[in-house]
Amino acid sequence: MTRANGRRAVLFDWDGTLVDSAERTFRCYEQVFAPHGIAFDRAAFERTYSPDWYRTYEQVGLPPEAWADTDARWNACYDAEPSRLIDGARDGLERLAAAGLVLGIVSSGDGARVRGEMEALGVAPLFATAVCGGETARRKPHPEPLLAALGQLGLSAAECAYVGDSPEDIAMAKAAGTLAVGIPGGYPNREALAASAPDLLVTSLAEAVARLVG
C-alpha cells in the first residue's frame, strides 16, 4: 500500500468527510421530493446517492424544470439544522496544520453553503483554498476541481493527498494524480468506495490523519 509520507498538502471533501451531513441530506431529499409525488426511502437513497445531486434528481425522475426550485427548498431545509463536524475532525485538521501541511477543500457542495459552514464551525482559517460546486466547468469525478485547487496552492499533484468518502472523490483524485485516501462515512456508498480502490482505505478520519502525518 502506498504510504503518504512526504506530502506537502492535504485536500478534503466536505460533506460526509468533515461534516456529518448524511442524515440531513436524506431528510431534505424526502421533504423536497414529496410534493412531486416521488417516494424517497433508504433504498432510494442508496440507489441514487451521488455527490452531484443533479444525478440524484435525474435518477429519481425529478423534472429538469423543477431543479432550481428544488435546490432552493433543499438549501432551506438543510439550513434549518445546525452543522456538526465529524467526531475528531477539528483535532485532526489542527494536527495536520501543526505538522506543516497545507489544507484545502474540494467539494461538490454549493460554495455559499460550504464556506458558511466552514466559518460557522470555526475551521475556515485552517484552509488555504476551497473549490466548490459550480466554480469549475466540470464536477467530480472529473479532476478539474481538484486541479484548480492545486493551481491555487501552487503545488503539484504528487505533493498532495485528497481525502474523501465517495467513489467520485477517489476517481477525481486518481485522475488528478494525487494520493487518493478513502474514509467510509455516513452516506450509503461504503461498498462502492472500497470498490473504487483508494490508494489508502482507512476506517476513520483519525486513522487518515495518523497516516498522513506519519
N, C-alpha and C. Protein backbone atom coordinates (compact mmCIF):
# COMPACT_ATOMS: atom_id res chain seq x y z
N MET A 1 0.85 -1.21 0.00
CA MET A 1 0.00 0.00 0.00
C MET A 1 0.88 1.25 0.00
N THR A 2 0.54 2.18 -0.85
CA THR A 2 1.28 3.43 -0.91
C THR A 2 1.20 4.18 0.41
N ARG A 3 2.31 4.73 0.87
CA ARG A 3 2.31 5.50 2.10
C ARG A 3 2.28 6.97 1.77
N ALA A 4 1.80 7.79 2.75
CA ALA A 4 1.52 9.19 2.47
C ALA A 4 2.66 10.12 2.87
N ASN A 5 3.79 9.57 3.36
CA ASN A 5 4.89 10.42 3.80
C ASN A 5 5.40 11.30 2.66
N GLY A 6 5.84 12.49 3.00
CA GLY A 6 6.43 13.37 2.02
C GLY A 6 5.46 14.30 1.34
N ARG A 7 4.19 14.26 1.68
CA ARG A 7 3.21 15.17 1.08
C ARG A 7 3.33 16.55 1.70
N ARG A 8 2.98 17.56 0.92
CA ARG A 8 3.03 18.94 1.40
C ARG A 8 1.65 19.51 1.68
N ALA A 9 0.62 18.89 1.14
CA ALA A 9 -0.74 19.41 1.32
C ALA A 9 -1.74 18.26 1.37
N VAL A 10 -2.83 18.50 2.08
CA VAL A 10 -3.94 17.54 2.15
C VAL A 10 -5.22 18.31 1.83
N LEU A 11 -5.93 17.85 0.83
CA LEU A 11 -7.21 18.46 0.46
C LEU A 11 -8.33 17.50 0.80
N PHE A 12 -9.47 18.05 1.17
CA PHE A 12 -10.58 17.25 1.68
C PHE A 12 -11.86 17.51 0.91
N ASP A 13 -12.65 16.46 0.79
CA ASP A 13 -14.07 16.60 0.54
C ASP A 13 -14.69 17.21 1.81
N TRP A 14 -15.88 17.78 1.68
CA TRP A 14 -16.52 18.42 2.84
C TRP A 14 -17.64 17.55 3.40
N ASP A 15 -18.72 17.38 2.65
CA ASP A 15 -19.88 16.64 3.15
C ASP A 15 -19.58 15.17 3.34
N GLY A 16 -19.82 14.69 4.55
CA GLY A 16 -19.60 13.29 4.86
C GLY A 16 -18.19 12.97 5.28
N THR A 17 -17.23 13.78 4.86
CA THR A 17 -15.83 13.56 5.20
C THR A 17 -15.43 14.38 6.43
N LEU A 18 -15.79 15.66 6.44
CA LEU A 18 -15.51 16.52 7.57
C LEU A 18 -16.78 16.95 8.31
N VAL A 19 -17.90 17.01 7.60
CA VAL A 19 -19.17 17.43 8.19
C VAL A 19 -20.15 16.26 8.18
N ASP A 20 -20.82 16.08 9.31
CA ASP A 20 -21.77 14.99 9.47
C ASP A 20 -23.10 15.39 8.84
N SER A 21 -23.23 15.18 7.54
CA SER A 21 -24.37 15.72 6.79
C SER A 21 -25.26 14.65 6.16
N ALA A 22 -24.95 13.38 6.32
CA ALA A 22 -25.67 12.33 5.60
C ALA A 22 -27.14 12.27 5.98
N GLU A 23 -27.46 12.27 7.27
CA GLU A 23 -28.85 12.16 7.69
C GLU A 23 -29.65 13.40 7.30
N ARG A 24 -29.03 14.58 7.41
CA ARG A 24 -29.72 15.80 6.98
C ARG A 24 -30.01 15.75 5.49
N THR A 25 -29.06 15.25 4.72
CA THR A 25 -29.27 15.15 3.28
C THR A 25 -30.44 14.23 2.97
N PHE A 26 -30.50 13.09 3.63
CA PHE A 26 -31.60 12.15 3.40
C PHE A 26 -32.95 12.79 3.75
N ARG A 27 -33.04 13.42 4.92
CA ARG A 27 -34.30 14.03 5.35
C ARG A 27 -34.74 15.14 4.40
N CYS A 28 -33.78 15.92 3.90
CA CYS A 28 -34.13 17.00 2.98
C CYS A 28 -34.57 16.47 1.62
N TYR A 29 -33.95 15.40 1.16
CA TYR A 29 -34.43 14.78 -0.08
C TYR A 29 -35.87 14.29 0.10
N GLU A 30 -36.15 13.63 1.21
CA GLU A 30 -37.52 13.18 1.48
C GLU A 30 -38.50 14.35 1.35
N GLN A 31 -38.13 15.46 1.97
CA GLN A 31 -39.03 16.62 2.03
C GLN A 31 -39.24 17.27 0.68
N VAL A 32 -38.16 17.44 -0.10
CA VAL A 32 -38.30 18.19 -1.36
C VAL A 32 -38.86 17.34 -2.49
N PHE A 33 -38.71 16.01 -2.40
CA PHE A 33 -39.25 15.16 -3.45
C PHE A 33 -40.74 14.86 -3.25
N ALA A 34 -41.21 14.91 -2.01
CA ALA A 34 -42.60 14.53 -1.71
C ALA A 34 -43.63 15.34 -2.51
N PRO A 35 -43.49 16.68 -2.64
CA PRO A 35 -44.51 17.42 -3.41
C PRO A 35 -44.61 17.00 -4.87
N HIS A 36 -43.58 16.33 -5.37
CA HIS A 36 -43.59 15.86 -6.76
C HIS A 36 -44.08 14.42 -6.87
N GLY A 37 -44.57 13.88 -5.74
CA GLY A 37 -45.06 12.52 -5.75
C GLY A 37 -43.97 11.48 -5.84
N ILE A 38 -42.73 11.86 -5.48
CA ILE A 38 -41.60 10.94 -5.56
C ILE A 38 -41.32 10.39 -4.16
N ALA A 39 -41.58 9.10 -3.98
CA ALA A 39 -41.29 8.46 -2.70
C ALA A 39 -39.79 8.25 -2.59
N PHE A 40 -39.24 8.67 -1.46
CA PHE A 40 -37.79 8.56 -1.28
C PHE A 40 -37.53 7.91 0.07
N ASP A 41 -36.99 6.68 0.02
CA ASP A 41 -36.70 5.94 1.24
C ASP A 41 -35.23 5.58 1.28
N ARG A 42 -34.84 4.78 2.26
CA ARG A 42 -33.42 4.43 2.41
C ARG A 42 -32.90 3.68 1.18
N ALA A 43 -33.73 2.83 0.61
CA ALA A 43 -33.29 2.09 -0.57
C ALA A 43 -33.05 3.03 -1.74
N ALA A 44 -33.93 4.03 -1.88
CA ALA A 44 -33.74 5.01 -2.96
C ALA A 44 -32.50 5.84 -2.72
N PHE A 45 -32.24 6.19 -1.48
CA PHE A 45 -31.03 6.96 -1.14
C PHE A 45 -29.79 6.17 -1.52
N GLU A 46 -29.76 4.90 -1.18
CA GLU A 46 -28.60 4.06 -1.51
C GLU A 46 -28.46 3.90 -3.01
N ARG A 47 -29.58 3.77 -3.70
CA ARG A 47 -29.54 3.52 -5.15
C ARG A 47 -29.13 4.76 -5.94
N THR A 48 -29.48 5.95 -5.45
CA THR A 48 -29.32 7.16 -6.25
C THR A 48 -28.28 8.14 -5.72
N TYR A 49 -27.70 7.88 -4.56
CA TYR A 49 -26.82 8.90 -3.97
C TYR A 49 -25.60 9.18 -4.85
N SER A 50 -25.30 10.46 -5.01
CA SER A 50 -24.09 10.93 -5.67
C SER A 50 -23.75 12.29 -5.08
N PRO A 51 -22.45 12.62 -4.96
CA PRO A 51 -22.09 13.97 -4.54
C PRO A 51 -22.63 15.04 -5.49
N ASP A 52 -22.86 14.68 -6.74
CA ASP A 52 -23.51 15.57 -7.70
C ASP A 52 -25.01 15.32 -7.61
N TRP A 53 -25.70 16.18 -6.85
CA TRP A 53 -27.12 15.94 -6.56
C TRP A 53 -27.99 15.96 -7.82
N TYR A 54 -27.52 16.56 -8.91
CA TYR A 54 -28.31 16.53 -10.13
C TYR A 54 -28.41 15.11 -10.70
N ARG A 55 -27.43 14.29 -10.42
CA ARG A 55 -27.54 12.89 -10.80
C ARG A 55 -28.65 12.22 -10.00
N THR A 56 -28.76 12.57 -8.72
CA THR A 56 -29.86 12.05 -7.91
C THR A 56 -31.20 12.52 -8.46
N TYR A 57 -31.30 13.81 -8.79
CA TYR A 57 -32.54 14.33 -9.38
C TYR A 57 -32.93 13.52 -10.61
N GLU A 58 -31.96 13.27 -11.48
CA GLU A 58 -32.24 12.52 -12.71
C GLU A 58 -32.74 11.11 -12.39
N GLN A 59 -32.07 10.46 -11.44
CA GLN A 59 -32.37 9.06 -11.17
C GLN A 59 -33.72 8.87 -10.49
N VAL A 60 -34.17 9.86 -9.72
CA VAL A 60 -35.49 9.73 -9.09
C VAL A 60 -36.60 10.23 -10.00
N GLY A 61 -36.24 10.81 -11.14
CA GLY A 61 -37.23 11.27 -12.10
C GLY A 61 -37.78 12.65 -11.85
N LEU A 62 -37.01 13.50 -11.19
CA LEU A 62 -37.45 14.88 -10.97
C LEU A 62 -37.35 15.66 -12.28
N PRO A 63 -38.42 16.31 -12.72
CA PRO A 63 -38.36 17.04 -13.99
C PRO A 63 -37.32 18.16 -13.94
N PRO A 64 -36.54 18.34 -15.00
CA PRO A 64 -35.49 19.38 -15.00
C PRO A 64 -36.01 20.77 -14.70
N GLU A 65 -37.25 21.06 -15.09
CA GLU A 65 -37.78 22.40 -14.83
C GLU A 65 -38.03 22.63 -13.34
N ALA A 66 -37.98 21.58 -12.53
CA ALA A 66 -38.19 21.72 -11.09
C ALA A 66 -36.87 21.79 -10.32
N TRP A 67 -35.76 21.66 -11.00
CA TRP A 67 -34.49 21.56 -10.30
C TRP A 67 -34.13 22.83 -9.52
N ALA A 68 -34.29 23.98 -10.13
CA ALA A 68 -33.89 25.23 -9.46
C ALA A 68 -34.70 25.44 -8.18
N ASP A 69 -36.01 25.24 -8.26
CA ASP A 69 -36.85 25.40 -7.08
C ASP A 69 -36.51 24.35 -6.02
N THR A 70 -36.21 23.14 -6.46
CA THR A 70 -35.83 22.08 -5.53
C THR A 70 -34.52 22.41 -4.84
N ASP A 71 -33.58 22.97 -5.58
CA ASP A 71 -32.32 23.42 -4.95
C ASP A 71 -32.60 24.39 -3.82
N ALA A 72 -33.45 25.39 -4.09
CA ALA A 72 -33.74 26.41 -3.08
C ALA A 72 -34.42 25.80 -1.86
N ARG A 73 -35.37 24.88 -2.09
CA ARG A 73 -36.07 24.27 -0.97
C ARG A 73 -35.17 23.31 -0.20
N TRP A 74 -34.29 22.62 -0.92
CA TRP A 74 -33.34 21.74 -0.23
C TRP A 74 -32.40 22.56 0.66
N ASN A 75 -31.88 23.66 0.15
CA ASN A 75 -30.98 24.50 0.94
C ASN A 75 -31.69 25.06 2.17
N ALA A 76 -32.96 25.45 2.02
CA ALA A 76 -33.71 25.96 3.16
C ALA A 76 -33.90 24.88 4.22
N CYS A 77 -34.19 23.66 3.77
CA CYS A 77 -34.32 22.53 4.68
C CYS A 77 -33.01 22.27 5.40
N TYR A 78 -31.93 22.24 4.64
CA TYR A 78 -30.61 21.94 5.22
C TYR A 78 -30.21 23.01 6.23
N ASP A 79 -30.48 24.27 5.91
CA ASP A 79 -30.07 25.37 6.78
C ASP A 79 -30.88 25.44 8.07
N ALA A 80 -31.98 24.69 8.13
CA ALA A 80 -32.82 24.72 9.33
C ALA A 80 -32.19 24.00 10.51
N GLU A 81 -31.15 23.22 10.26
CA GLU A 81 -30.45 22.49 11.32
C GLU A 81 -29.01 22.98 11.41
N PRO A 82 -28.44 22.98 12.61
CA PRO A 82 -27.03 23.38 12.73
C PRO A 82 -26.11 22.30 12.17
N SER A 83 -24.99 22.72 11.63
CA SER A 83 -24.00 21.78 11.11
C SER A 83 -23.11 21.28 12.24
N ARG A 84 -22.58 20.08 12.03
CA ARG A 84 -21.71 19.47 13.04
C ARG A 84 -20.54 18.78 12.36
N LEU A 85 -19.35 19.03 12.86
CA LEU A 85 -18.18 18.35 12.33
C LEU A 85 -18.21 16.87 12.71
N ILE A 86 -17.65 16.05 11.84
CA ILE A 86 -17.41 14.65 12.18
C ILE A 86 -16.56 14.59 13.45
N ASP A 87 -16.83 13.63 14.30
CA ASP A 87 -16.05 13.49 15.53
C ASP A 87 -14.56 13.44 15.21
N GLY A 88 -13.79 14.27 15.89
CA GLY A 88 -12.34 14.29 15.71
C GLY A 88 -11.85 15.12 14.55
N ALA A 89 -12.77 15.72 13.78
CA ALA A 89 -12.34 16.46 12.60
C ALA A 89 -11.49 17.67 12.96
N ARG A 90 -11.94 18.46 13.94
CA ARG A 90 -11.18 19.66 14.30
C ARG A 90 -9.78 19.30 14.78
N ASP A 91 -9.70 18.32 15.67
CA ASP A 91 -8.39 17.90 16.19
C ASP A 91 -7.50 17.39 15.06
N GLY A 92 -8.09 16.63 14.14
CA GLY A 92 -7.32 16.10 13.03
C GLY A 92 -6.79 17.18 12.12
N LEU A 93 -7.64 18.15 11.80
CA LEU A 93 -7.20 19.26 10.95
C LEU A 93 -6.09 20.06 11.63
N GLU A 94 -6.25 20.31 12.91
CA GLU A 94 -5.23 21.08 13.64
C GLU A 94 -3.92 20.30 13.72
N ARG A 95 -4.01 18.98 13.83
CA ARG A 95 -2.79 18.17 13.85
C ARG A 95 -2.07 18.24 12.51
N LEU A 96 -2.81 18.17 11.42
CA LEU A 96 -2.19 18.27 10.10
C LEU A 96 -1.55 19.64 9.90
N ALA A 97 -2.26 20.69 10.30
CA ALA A 97 -1.72 22.04 10.15
C ALA A 97 -0.46 22.22 11.01
N ALA A 98 -0.48 21.67 12.21
CA ALA A 98 0.68 21.78 13.09
C ALA A 98 1.89 21.04 12.53
N ALA A 99 1.63 20.02 11.71
CA ALA A 99 2.72 19.27 11.07
C ALA A 99 3.26 19.98 9.83
N GLY A 100 2.70 21.15 9.52
CA GLY A 100 3.18 21.94 8.40
C GLY A 100 2.53 21.64 7.08
N LEU A 101 1.44 20.88 7.10
CA LEU A 101 0.74 20.55 5.85
C LEU A 101 -0.27 21.64 5.51
N VAL A 102 -0.30 22.03 4.25
CA VAL A 102 -1.28 23.00 3.76
C VAL A 102 -2.60 22.25 3.56
N LEU A 103 -3.72 22.89 3.93
CA LEU A 103 -5.02 22.24 3.85
C LEU A 103 -5.93 22.95 2.86
N GLY A 104 -6.80 22.17 2.22
CA GLY A 104 -7.75 22.75 1.28
C GLY A 104 -9.02 21.93 1.21
N ILE A 105 -10.06 22.51 0.62
CA ILE A 105 -11.35 21.85 0.42
C ILE A 105 -11.64 21.79 -1.07
N VAL A 106 -12.08 20.63 -1.54
CA VAL A 106 -12.64 20.49 -2.88
C VAL A 106 -13.97 19.76 -2.72
N SER A 107 -15.06 20.48 -2.89
CA SER A 107 -16.39 19.97 -2.59
C SER A 107 -17.32 20.17 -3.78
N SER A 108 -18.28 19.25 -3.94
CA SER A 108 -19.34 19.44 -4.91
C SER A 108 -20.43 20.35 -4.38
N GLY A 109 -20.41 20.62 -3.07
CA GLY A 109 -21.46 21.41 -2.45
C GLY A 109 -21.45 22.86 -2.89
N ASP A 110 -22.61 23.50 -2.74
CA ASP A 110 -22.75 24.92 -3.06
C ASP A 110 -21.74 25.74 -2.27
N GLY A 111 -21.05 26.64 -2.96
CA GLY A 111 -19.97 27.39 -2.33
C GLY A 111 -20.42 28.24 -1.15
N ALA A 112 -21.56 28.91 -1.29
CA ALA A 112 -22.04 29.75 -0.20
C ALA A 112 -22.34 28.90 1.04
N ARG A 113 -22.96 27.74 0.83
CA ARG A 113 -23.25 26.86 1.97
C ARG A 113 -21.98 26.33 2.61
N VAL A 114 -21.08 25.78 1.79
CA VAL A 114 -19.87 25.17 2.33
C VAL A 114 -19.02 26.21 3.06
N ARG A 115 -18.81 27.36 2.44
CA ARG A 115 -17.98 28.38 3.10
C ARG A 115 -18.66 28.93 4.35
N GLY A 116 -20.01 29.02 4.32
CA GLY A 116 -20.72 29.44 5.51
C GLY A 116 -20.56 28.46 6.65
N GLU A 117 -20.60 27.17 6.33
CA GLU A 117 -20.38 26.15 7.36
C GLU A 117 -18.95 26.20 7.89
N MET A 118 -17.99 26.39 7.00
CA MET A 118 -16.60 26.48 7.43
C MET A 118 -16.42 27.61 8.44
N GLU A 119 -17.05 28.75 8.16
CA GLU A 119 -16.96 29.90 9.07
C GLU A 119 -17.69 29.61 10.38
N ALA A 120 -18.90 29.10 10.28
CA ALA A 120 -19.71 28.86 11.47
C ALA A 120 -19.07 27.83 12.40
N LEU A 121 -18.38 26.87 11.82
CA LEU A 121 -17.75 25.81 12.61
C LEU A 121 -16.34 26.19 13.06
N GLY A 122 -15.87 27.37 12.65
CA GLY A 122 -14.59 27.86 13.12
C GLY A 122 -13.37 27.22 12.51
N VAL A 123 -13.53 26.57 11.35
CA VAL A 123 -12.38 25.90 10.73
C VAL A 123 -11.88 26.61 9.47
N ALA A 124 -12.58 27.65 9.03
CA ALA A 124 -12.19 28.33 7.79
C ALA A 124 -10.72 28.78 7.81
N PRO A 125 -10.20 29.32 8.94
CA PRO A 125 -8.81 29.78 8.93
C PRO A 125 -7.78 28.67 8.69
N LEU A 126 -8.20 27.41 8.85
CA LEU A 126 -7.26 26.31 8.66
C LEU A 126 -7.01 25.99 7.19
N PHE A 127 -7.87 26.49 6.31
CA PHE A 127 -7.80 26.10 4.90
C PHE A 127 -7.25 27.23 4.03
N ALA A 128 -6.31 26.86 3.18
CA ALA A 128 -5.68 27.83 2.28
C ALA A 128 -6.48 28.04 1.01
N THR A 129 -7.35 27.10 0.68
CA THR A 129 -8.17 27.23 -0.53
C THR A 129 -9.43 26.40 -0.38
N ALA A 130 -10.45 26.77 -1.16
CA ALA A 130 -11.68 25.98 -1.24
C ALA A 130 -12.24 26.13 -2.65
N VAL A 131 -12.47 25.01 -3.31
CA VAL A 131 -13.11 25.00 -4.62
C VAL A 131 -14.40 24.21 -4.47
N CYS A 132 -15.52 24.83 -4.80
CA CYS A 132 -16.83 24.24 -4.54
C CYS A 132 -17.63 24.03 -5.82
N GLY A 133 -18.79 23.42 -5.68
CA GLY A 133 -19.62 23.10 -6.82
C GLY A 133 -19.99 24.32 -7.65
N GLY A 134 -19.89 24.18 -8.96
CA GLY A 134 -20.23 25.27 -9.85
C GLY A 134 -19.12 26.26 -10.11
N GLU A 135 -17.98 26.10 -9.45
CA GLU A 135 -16.86 27.03 -9.62
C GLU A 135 -15.87 26.58 -10.68
N THR A 136 -16.09 25.40 -11.22
CA THR A 136 -15.34 24.92 -12.38
C THR A 136 -16.35 24.41 -13.40
N ALA A 137 -15.93 24.30 -14.63
CA ALA A 137 -16.85 23.88 -15.69
C ALA A 137 -17.35 22.45 -15.48
N ARG A 138 -16.49 21.61 -14.90
CA ARG A 138 -16.86 20.20 -14.70
C ARG A 138 -16.74 19.84 -13.23
N ARG A 139 -17.58 18.92 -12.80
CA ARG A 139 -17.66 18.50 -11.40
C ARG A 139 -16.96 17.15 -11.20
N LYS A 140 -16.80 16.78 -9.92
CA LYS A 140 -16.36 15.42 -9.63
C LYS A 140 -17.27 14.45 -10.38
N PRO A 141 -16.71 13.36 -10.89
CA PRO A 141 -15.37 12.82 -10.69
C PRO A 141 -14.31 13.35 -11.64
N HIS A 142 -14.66 14.34 -12.47
CA HIS A 142 -13.65 14.95 -13.33
C HIS A 142 -12.59 15.60 -12.45
N PRO A 143 -11.31 15.58 -12.84
CA PRO A 143 -10.25 16.14 -11.99
C PRO A 143 -10.19 17.66 -11.95
N GLU A 144 -10.98 18.35 -12.78
CA GLU A 144 -10.85 19.80 -12.87
C GLU A 144 -10.96 20.53 -11.53
N PRO A 145 -11.93 20.21 -10.65
CA PRO A 145 -11.98 20.94 -9.37
C PRO A 145 -10.73 20.77 -8.53
N LEU A 146 -10.20 19.56 -8.47
CA LEU A 146 -9.00 19.30 -7.68
C LEU A 146 -7.79 19.97 -8.31
N LEU A 147 -7.68 19.92 -9.62
CA LEU A 147 -6.56 20.58 -10.30
C LEU A 147 -6.63 22.10 -10.10
N ALA A 148 -7.84 22.65 -10.06
CA ALA A 148 -7.99 24.09 -9.81
C ALA A 148 -7.46 24.44 -8.42
N ALA A 149 -7.78 23.62 -7.43
CA ALA A 149 -7.30 23.87 -6.07
C ALA A 149 -5.78 23.76 -6.01
N LEU A 150 -5.22 22.76 -6.68
CA LEU A 150 -3.76 22.60 -6.69
C LEU A 150 -3.11 23.81 -7.35
N GLY A 151 -3.72 24.32 -8.41
CA GLY A 151 -3.19 25.51 -9.06
C GLY A 151 -3.20 26.71 -8.13
N GLN A 152 -4.26 26.86 -7.35
CA GLN A 152 -4.32 27.96 -6.40
C GLN A 152 -3.25 27.84 -5.33
N LEU A 153 -2.91 26.62 -4.96
CA LEU A 153 -1.88 26.40 -3.95
C LEU A 153 -0.47 26.44 -4.52
N GLY A 154 -0.36 26.33 -5.84
CA GLY A 154 0.96 26.32 -6.46
C GLY A 154 1.73 25.04 -6.19
N LEU A 155 0.99 23.93 -6.07
CA LEU A 155 1.61 22.65 -5.76
C LEU A 155 1.30 21.63 -6.85
N SER A 156 2.16 20.66 -6.99
CA SER A 156 1.92 19.58 -7.95
C SER A 156 1.05 18.51 -7.32
N ALA A 157 0.41 17.72 -8.17
CA ALA A 157 -0.43 16.64 -7.67
C ALA A 157 0.36 15.65 -6.83
N ALA A 158 1.60 15.40 -7.21
CA ALA A 158 2.42 14.43 -6.48
C ALA A 158 2.72 14.88 -5.06
N GLU A 159 2.56 16.17 -4.78
CA GLU A 159 2.85 16.69 -3.44
C GLU A 159 1.64 16.66 -2.52
N CYS A 160 0.52 16.18 -3.03
CA CYS A 160 -0.74 16.33 -2.30
C CYS A 160 -1.47 15.01 -2.15
N ALA A 161 -2.32 14.97 -1.13
CA ALA A 161 -3.27 13.88 -0.94
C ALA A 161 -4.67 14.46 -0.94
N TYR A 162 -5.63 13.66 -1.39
CA TYR A 162 -7.03 14.07 -1.33
C TYR A 162 -7.81 13.03 -0.55
N VAL A 163 -8.62 13.50 0.40
CA VAL A 163 -9.36 12.62 1.31
C VAL A 163 -10.84 12.79 1.07
N GLY A 164 -11.54 11.69 0.80
CA GLY A 164 -12.97 11.76 0.56
C GLY A 164 -13.68 10.47 0.94
N ASP A 165 -15.02 10.52 0.89
CA ASP A 165 -15.82 9.38 1.33
C ASP A 165 -16.64 8.75 0.21
N SER A 166 -16.39 9.14 -1.03
CA SER A 166 -17.19 8.60 -2.14
C SER A 166 -16.29 8.10 -3.27
N PRO A 167 -16.80 7.18 -4.10
CA PRO A 167 -16.01 6.74 -5.25
C PRO A 167 -15.71 7.87 -6.22
N GLU A 168 -16.58 8.89 -6.28
CA GLU A 168 -16.30 10.05 -7.13
C GLU A 168 -15.07 10.81 -6.64
N ASP A 169 -14.91 10.87 -5.32
CA ASP A 169 -13.72 11.51 -4.75
C ASP A 169 -12.46 10.77 -5.18
N ILE A 170 -12.53 9.45 -5.09
CA ILE A 170 -11.35 8.64 -5.42
C ILE A 170 -11.03 8.74 -6.91
N ALA A 171 -12.06 8.70 -7.75
CA ALA A 171 -11.83 8.82 -9.20
C ALA A 171 -11.22 10.17 -9.53
N MET A 172 -11.69 11.24 -8.90
CA MET A 172 -11.13 12.56 -9.14
C MET A 172 -9.67 12.62 -8.73
N ALA A 173 -9.38 12.10 -7.53
CA ALA A 173 -8.00 12.14 -7.02
C ALA A 173 -7.06 11.36 -7.93
N LYS A 174 -7.48 10.19 -8.35
CA LYS A 174 -6.63 9.38 -9.23
C LYS A 174 -6.42 10.06 -10.57
N ALA A 175 -7.47 10.64 -11.12
CA ALA A 175 -7.35 11.31 -12.41
C ALA A 175 -6.45 12.53 -12.32
N ALA A 176 -6.45 13.19 -11.16
CA ALA A 176 -5.60 14.37 -10.97
C ALA A 176 -4.16 13.99 -10.65
N GLY A 177 -3.94 12.77 -10.16
CA GLY A 177 -2.60 12.31 -9.83
C GLY A 177 -2.20 12.49 -8.38
N THR A 178 -3.18 12.80 -7.50
CA THR A 178 -2.87 12.91 -6.08
C THR A 178 -3.05 11.55 -5.41
N LEU A 179 -2.51 11.41 -4.21
CA LEU A 179 -2.78 10.24 -3.40
C LEU A 179 -4.26 10.25 -3.04
N ALA A 180 -4.95 9.14 -3.25
CA ALA A 180 -6.39 9.04 -3.01
C ALA A 180 -6.64 8.30 -1.70
N VAL A 181 -7.24 9.00 -0.73
CA VAL A 181 -7.49 8.43 0.59
C VAL A 181 -9.00 8.32 0.79
N GLY A 182 -9.48 7.11 1.06
CA GLY A 182 -10.90 6.88 1.25
C GLY A 182 -11.25 6.64 2.71
N ILE A 183 -12.32 7.31 3.17
CA ILE A 183 -12.84 7.12 4.52
C ILE A 183 -14.33 6.79 4.42
N PRO A 184 -14.77 5.60 4.81
CA PRO A 184 -16.20 5.32 4.81
C PRO A 184 -16.93 6.27 5.74
N GLY A 185 -18.00 6.89 5.26
CA GLY A 185 -18.75 7.84 6.07
C GLY A 185 -20.18 7.43 6.24
N GLY A 186 -21.06 8.41 6.46
CA GLY A 186 -22.46 8.13 6.73
C GLY A 186 -23.32 7.95 5.50
N TYR A 187 -22.80 8.27 4.32
CA TYR A 187 -23.58 8.11 3.10
C TYR A 187 -23.59 6.64 2.67
N PRO A 188 -24.61 6.22 1.93
CA PRO A 188 -24.77 4.80 1.59
C PRO A 188 -23.93 4.36 0.40
N ASN A 189 -22.62 4.55 0.51
CA ASN A 189 -21.75 4.22 -0.62
C ASN A 189 -20.47 3.52 -0.17
N ARG A 190 -20.52 2.86 0.97
CA ARG A 190 -19.30 2.25 1.52
C ARG A 190 -18.74 1.17 0.61
N GLU A 191 -19.60 0.31 0.09
CA GLU A 191 -19.11 -0.75 -0.79
C GLU A 191 -18.54 -0.16 -2.07
N ALA A 192 -19.19 0.85 -2.61
CA ALA A 192 -18.69 1.49 -3.83
C ALA A 192 -17.36 2.19 -3.56
N LEU A 193 -17.21 2.76 -2.38
CA LEU A 193 -15.94 3.41 -2.03
C LEU A 193 -14.82 2.37 -2.03
N ALA A 194 -15.03 1.25 -1.38
CA ALA A 194 -14.00 0.20 -1.34
C ALA A 194 -13.69 -0.31 -2.75
N ALA A 195 -14.73 -0.46 -3.57
CA ALA A 195 -14.54 -0.96 -4.92
C ALA A 195 -13.77 0.01 -5.80
N SER A 196 -13.77 1.30 -5.42
CA SER A 196 -13.04 2.29 -6.22
C SER A 196 -11.53 2.23 -6.00
N ALA A 197 -11.09 1.38 -5.06
CA ALA A 197 -9.66 1.08 -4.83
C ALA A 197 -8.83 2.32 -4.52
N PRO A 198 -9.12 3.01 -3.39
CA PRO A 198 -8.26 4.13 -2.99
C PRO A 198 -6.83 3.66 -2.76
N ASP A 199 -5.89 4.59 -2.86
CA ASP A 199 -4.51 4.26 -2.51
C ASP A 199 -4.40 3.91 -1.02
N LEU A 200 -5.17 4.62 -0.21
CA LEU A 200 -5.31 4.32 1.21
C LEU A 200 -6.79 4.22 1.53
N LEU A 201 -7.23 3.12 2.09
CA LEU A 201 -8.60 2.98 2.57
C LEU A 201 -8.52 2.78 4.07
N VAL A 202 -8.98 3.77 4.82
CA VAL A 202 -8.86 3.76 6.27
C VAL A 202 -10.25 3.68 6.89
N THR A 203 -10.29 3.47 8.19
CA THR A 203 -11.56 3.28 8.86
C THR A 203 -12.11 4.55 9.48
N SER A 204 -11.28 5.56 9.62
CA SER A 204 -11.72 6.78 10.29
C SER A 204 -10.84 7.96 9.87
N LEU A 205 -11.34 9.16 10.15
CA LEU A 205 -10.55 10.36 9.88
C LEU A 205 -9.28 10.36 10.73
N ALA A 206 -9.38 9.89 11.96
CA ALA A 206 -8.21 9.85 12.84
C ALA A 206 -7.12 8.97 12.24
N GLU A 207 -7.50 7.84 11.65
CA GLU A 207 -6.52 6.96 11.03
C GLU A 207 -5.89 7.63 9.81
N ALA A 208 -6.72 8.32 9.03
CA ALA A 208 -6.18 9.03 7.87
C ALA A 208 -5.16 10.08 8.29
N VAL A 209 -5.49 10.83 9.33
CA VAL A 209 -4.56 11.86 9.82
C VAL A 209 -3.25 11.23 10.28
N ALA A 210 -3.35 10.14 11.02
CA ALA A 210 -2.13 9.47 11.50
C ALA A 210 -1.26 9.02 10.35
N ARG A 211 -1.86 8.50 9.27
CA ARG A 211 -1.08 8.05 8.12
C ARG A 211 -0.47 9.23 7.38
N LEU A 212 -1.20 10.34 7.30
CA LEU A 212 -0.72 11.49 6.54
C LEU A 212 0.36 12.26 7.29
N VAL A 213 0.33 12.20 8.59
CA VAL A 213 1.36 12.88 9.39
C VAL A 213 2.58 11.98 9.55
N GLY A 214 2.35 10.65 9.64
CA GLY A 214 3.41 9.70 9.93
C GLY A 214 4.41 9.51 8.81
